Amino acid sequence: MSGRVLSEVSAVVAAERETELVDSYRELVAGPLPDGLIRTELLRGPGGRWRVQSLWRDRIALEAVRSNPRLAAAPRLFAMIGAEPELTVFQVSVEQVGAPVLD
């Protein structure tokens, strides 16, 4: 079992705020990323459900970010557009990485 964890912050976003969410996320990830963040992505699902999934080196790296409100970006991102964020943390039990996809 690896020490990696995946955080998932999700919320239902009003249709008229979706563009603002996407633009704000792009701005966020264009800047410096926190230590220990391996990967992050913004996902859109059915019914206006959006989520930010972030893969962290370990729980210590995630907790360092979560303990600083200035750095806890995903919950703040949803709150800024009037959505109620929900956080779930998963321990990575098995991981397999495939070859990168080239566009």
Protein backbone atom coordinates (compact mmCIF):
# COMPACT_ATOMS: atom_id res chain seq x y z
CA MET A 1 0.00 0.00 0.00
CA SER A 2 1.36 3.45 -0.93
CA GLY A 3 1.34 6.48 1.32
CA ARG A 4 -0.52 8.50 -1.29
CA VAL A 5 -3.96 9.93 -0.65
CA LEU A 6 -6.58 11.34 -2.99
CA SER A 7 -8.69 14.25 -1.84
CA GLU A 8 -12.02 14.92 -3.48
CA VAL A 9 -13.83 18.21 -2.96
CA SER A 10 -17.22 18.29 -4.66
CA ALA A 11 -20.26 20.53 -4.89
CA VAL A 12 -23.32 21.18 -6.98
CA VAL A 13 -22.70 24.36 -8.98
CA ALA A 14 -25.39 26.57 -10.48
CA ALA A 15 -25.23 26.53 -14.29
CA GLU A 16 -24.68 30.29 -14.45
CA ARG A 17 -21.54 29.95 -12.24
CA GLU A 18 -19.85 27.07 -14.11
CA THR A 19 -17.73 29.31 -16.37
CA GLU A 20 -16.54 31.23 -13.32
CA LEU A 21 -15.58 27.95 -11.63
CA VAL A 22 -13.59 26.74 -14.65
CA ASP A 23 -11.82 30.09 -15.08
CA SER A 24 -10.98 30.29 -11.37
CA TYR A 25 -9.61 26.74 -11.37
CA ARG A 26 -7.43 27.51 -14.41
CA GLU A 27 -6.03 30.57 -12.62
CA LEU A 28 -5.43 28.53 -9.48
CA VAL A 29 -3.42 25.77 -11.16
CA ALA A 30 -1.46 28.25 -13.29
CA GLY A 31 0.26 29.49 -10.12
CA PRO A 32 2.64 27.64 -7.84
CA LEU A 33 1.22 24.36 -6.57
CA PRO A 34 1.63 23.17 -2.97
CA ASP A 35 4.43 20.85 -1.97
CA GLY A 36 3.35 17.22 -2.19
CA LEU A 37 0.62 17.74 -4.81
CA ILE A 38 1.18 15.18 -7.57
CA ARG A 39 -1.88 15.77 -9.75
CA THR A 40 -5.12 17.71 -9.67
CA GLU A 41 -8.09 17.92 -12.00
CA LEU A 42 -11.49 19.58 -12.23
CA LEU A 43 -14.26 17.17 -13.23
CA ARG A 44 -17.84 17.88 -14.31
CA GLY A 45 -20.52 15.29 -13.72
CA PRO A 46 -24.27 15.04 -14.20
CA GLY A 47 -26.72 17.33 -12.46
CA GLY A 48 -24.30 20.23 -12.00
CA ARG A 49 -22.01 18.13 -9.76
CA TRP A 50 -18.38 19.25 -9.99
CA ARG A 51 -15.34 17.90 -8.19
CA VAL A 52 -11.68 18.65 -7.74
CA GLN A 53 -9.65 15.47 -7.34
CA SER A 54 -6.09 15.87 -6.10
CA LEU A 55 -3.48 13.18 -5.62
CA TRP A 56 -1.05 13.86 -2.76
CA ARG A 57 2.34 12.35 -1.95
CA ASP A 58 1.05 11.47 1.54
CA ARG A 59 -1.45 12.51 4.19
CA ILE A 60 1.13 14.83 5.80
CA ALA A 61 1.31 16.92 2.61
CA LEU A 62 -2.49 17.10 2.40
CA GLU A 63 -2.86 18.03 6.09
CA ALA A 64 -0.24 20.79 5.73
CA VAL A 65 -2.42 22.39 3.07
CA ARG A 66 -5.72 21.77 4.86
CA SER A 67 -4.40 23.34 8.08
CA ASN A 68 -3.78 26.66 6.31
CA PRO A 69 -7.04 28.28 5.10
CA ARG A 70 -5.07 30.35 2.58
CA LEU A 71 -3.78 27.17 0.94
CA ALA A 72 -6.96 25.04 1.13
CA ALA A 73 -7.86 26.12 -2.38
CA ALA A 74 -10.48 23.63 -3.60
CA PRO A 75 -13.02 24.24 -0.79
CA ARG A 76 -12.45 27.99 -1.11
CA LEU A 77 -12.94 27.80 -4.88
CA PHE A 78 -16.42 26.29 -4.51
CA ALA A 79 -17.37 28.59 -1.63
CA MET A 80 -16.44 31.67 -3.70
CA ILE A 81 -19.12 30.80 -6.26
CA GLY A 82 -21.78 30.06 -3.66
CA ALA A 83 -21.54 26.25 -3.65
CA GLU A 84 -21.29 24.12 -0.50
CA PRO A 85 -18.12 21.99 -0.75
CA GLU A 86 -17.89 18.43 0.58
CA LEU A 87 -14.49 16.85 1.28
CA THR A 88 -13.63 13.15 1.13
CA VAL A 89 -10.14 11.69 1.52
CA PHE A 90 -9.21 8.27 0.12
CA GLN A 91 -6.12 6.22 0.92
CA VAL A 92 -4.56 4.91 -2.30
CA SER A 93 -4.39 1.13 -1.86
CA VAL A 94 -3.26 0.06 -5.33
CA GLU A 95 -1.95 2.25 -8.10
CA GLN A 96 -1.17 1.54 -11.76
CA VAL A 97 -0.03 4.27 -14.12
CA GLY A 98 -0.38 3.81 -17.87
CA ALA A 99 1.52 5.48 -20.67
CA PRO A 100 0.77 9.19 -21.13
CA VAL A 101 -1.82 10.07 -23.75
CA LEU A 102 -0.57 12.46 -26.39
CA ASP A 103 -3.10 14.84 -27.92
